């Protein structure tokens, strides 16, 4: 008998949990697993126009930027899966930064 393989849906949900829970627990290994190597997050100019890469996110995680989250919960709805690309809607308690 072989090992049971995780479904795409389970893998997507685990990746989302790794990202959110990794951030809140300052678990760099989980964040590293979850984030794409070419990640670039941009915030609007009115919010400072920050550009965040995977390296910046991992450094912030290591410094505990997300560890003060209060009511921690995550609801994941997978909207679409096409090949190796997935789209998910994630609802969670607001993320707060320790530097705020």
Protein backbone atom coordinates (compact mmCIF):
# COMPACT_ATOMS: atom_id res chain seq x y z
CA UNK A 1 0.00 0.00 0.00
CA UNK A 2 1.31 3.47 -0.94
CA UNK A 3 1.11 6.69 0.99
CA UNK A 4 -1.96 8.83 0.48
CA UNK A 5 -1.20 11.85 -1.70
CA UNK A 6 -2.41 15.29 -0.65
CA UNK A 7 -4.97 16.80 -3.00
CA UNK A 8 -4.36 20.13 -4.74
CA UNK A 9 -7.01 21.68 -2.49
CA UNK A 10 -5.21 20.45 0.66
CA UNK A 11 -1.85 21.72 -0.63
CA UNK A 12 -3.32 25.14 -1.44
CA UNK A 13 -4.90 25.42 2.01
CA UNK A 14 -1.63 24.35 3.67
CA UNK A 15 0.31 26.98 1.72
CA UNK A 16 -2.13 29.69 2.82
CA UNK A 17 -1.92 28.50 6.44
CA UNK A 18 1.89 28.43 6.23
CA UNK A 19 1.85 32.05 5.09
CA UNK A 20 -0.62 33.38 7.67
CA UNK A 21 0.40 31.23 10.64
CA UNK A 22 4.10 31.55 9.78
CA UNK A 23 3.74 35.35 9.83
CA UNK A 24 1.89 35.38 13.15
CA UNK A 25 4.26 32.87 14.79
CA UNK A 26 7.45 34.44 13.36
CA UNK A 27 8.15 31.05 11.76
CA UNK A 28 10.50 31.91 8.90
CA UNK A 29 10.62 28.31 7.61
CA UNK A 30 6.83 28.27 7.08
CA UNK A 31 6.88 31.69 5.40
CA UNK A 32 9.76 30.60 3.19
CA UNK A 33 7.80 27.52 2.11
CA UNK A 34 4.72 29.58 1.31
CA UNK A 35 6.16 32.53 -0.59
CA UNK A 36 7.15 32.41 -4.26
CA UNK A 37 10.84 33.28 -4.86
CA UNK A 38 9.82 36.12 -7.20
CA UNK A 39 7.19 37.61 -4.85
CA UNK A 40 6.74 41.36 -5.14
CA UNK A 41 4.03 43.10 -3.10
CA UNK A 42 3.36 46.75 -3.79
CA UNK A 43 1.34 49.13 -1.66
CA UNK A 44 -0.36 52.24 -3.06
CA UNK A 45 1.57 55.51 -3.15
CA UNK A 46 -0.77 57.00 -0.55
CA UNK A 47 0.35 54.21 1.81
CA UNK A 48 4.03 54.95 1.26
CA UNK A 49 4.48 53.01 -1.98
CA UNK A 50 6.36 50.18 -0.29
CA UNK A 51 7.76 47.34 -2.37
CA UNK A 52 8.09 44.07 -0.47
CA UNK A 53 10.05 41.11 -1.81
CA UNK A 54 10.27 37.61 -0.40
CA UNK A 55 13.57 38.53 1.29
CA UNK A 56 12.01 41.59 2.93
CA UNK A 57 8.99 39.57 4.09
CA UNK A 58 11.20 36.83 5.56
CA UNK A 59 13.33 39.42 7.39
CA UNK A 60 10.21 41.10 8.82
CA UNK A 61 8.89 37.68 9.87
CA UNK A 62 12.19 36.86 11.60
CA UNK A 63 11.95 40.18 13.46
CA UNK A 64 8.45 39.29 14.71
CA UNK A 65 6.54 41.92 12.72
CA UNK A 66 3.33 39.85 12.71
CA UNK A 67 3.39 38.35 16.18
CA UNK A 68 0.98 40.76 17.85
CA UNK A 69 -2.09 39.60 15.92
CA UNK A 70 -5.04 39.49 18.25
CA UNK A 71 -8.00 37.31 17.26
CA UNK A 72 -6.21 34.82 14.98
CA UNK A 73 -8.43 33.10 12.46
CA UNK A 74 -8.21 32.33 8.76
CA UNK A 75 -11.01 31.33 6.36
CA UNK A 76 -9.80 30.04 2.98
CA UNK A 77 -12.03 29.80 -0.10
CA UNK A 78 -10.35 28.39 -3.18
CA UNK A 79 -11.80 30.21 -6.18
CA UNK A 80 -10.01 28.48 -9.05
CA UNK A 81 -7.19 26.08 -9.86
CA UNK A 82 -5.66 25.90 -13.33
CA UNK A 83 -2.53 23.81 -13.67
CA UNK A 84 -0.02 25.05 -11.14
CA UNK A 85 -1.82 28.36 -10.48
CA UNK A 86 -4.50 28.82 -7.84
CA UNK A 87 -6.67 31.73 -6.83
CA UNK A 88 -7.94 31.87 -3.26
CA UNK A 89 -9.90 34.35 -1.20
CA UNK A 90 -8.57 34.58 2.33
CA UNK A 91 -10.44 36.25 5.15
CA UNK A 92 -8.65 36.75 8.44
CA UNK A 93 -8.32 38.89 11.49
CA UNK A 94 -6.53 42.12 10.58
CA UNK A 95 -2.75 41.80 10.50
CA UNK A 96 -0.93 44.36 12.58
CA UNK A 97 2.72 45.24 12.58
CA UNK A 98 4.82 45.57 15.73
CA UNK A 99 6.33 48.70 14.21
CA UNK A 100 2.95 50.46 13.98
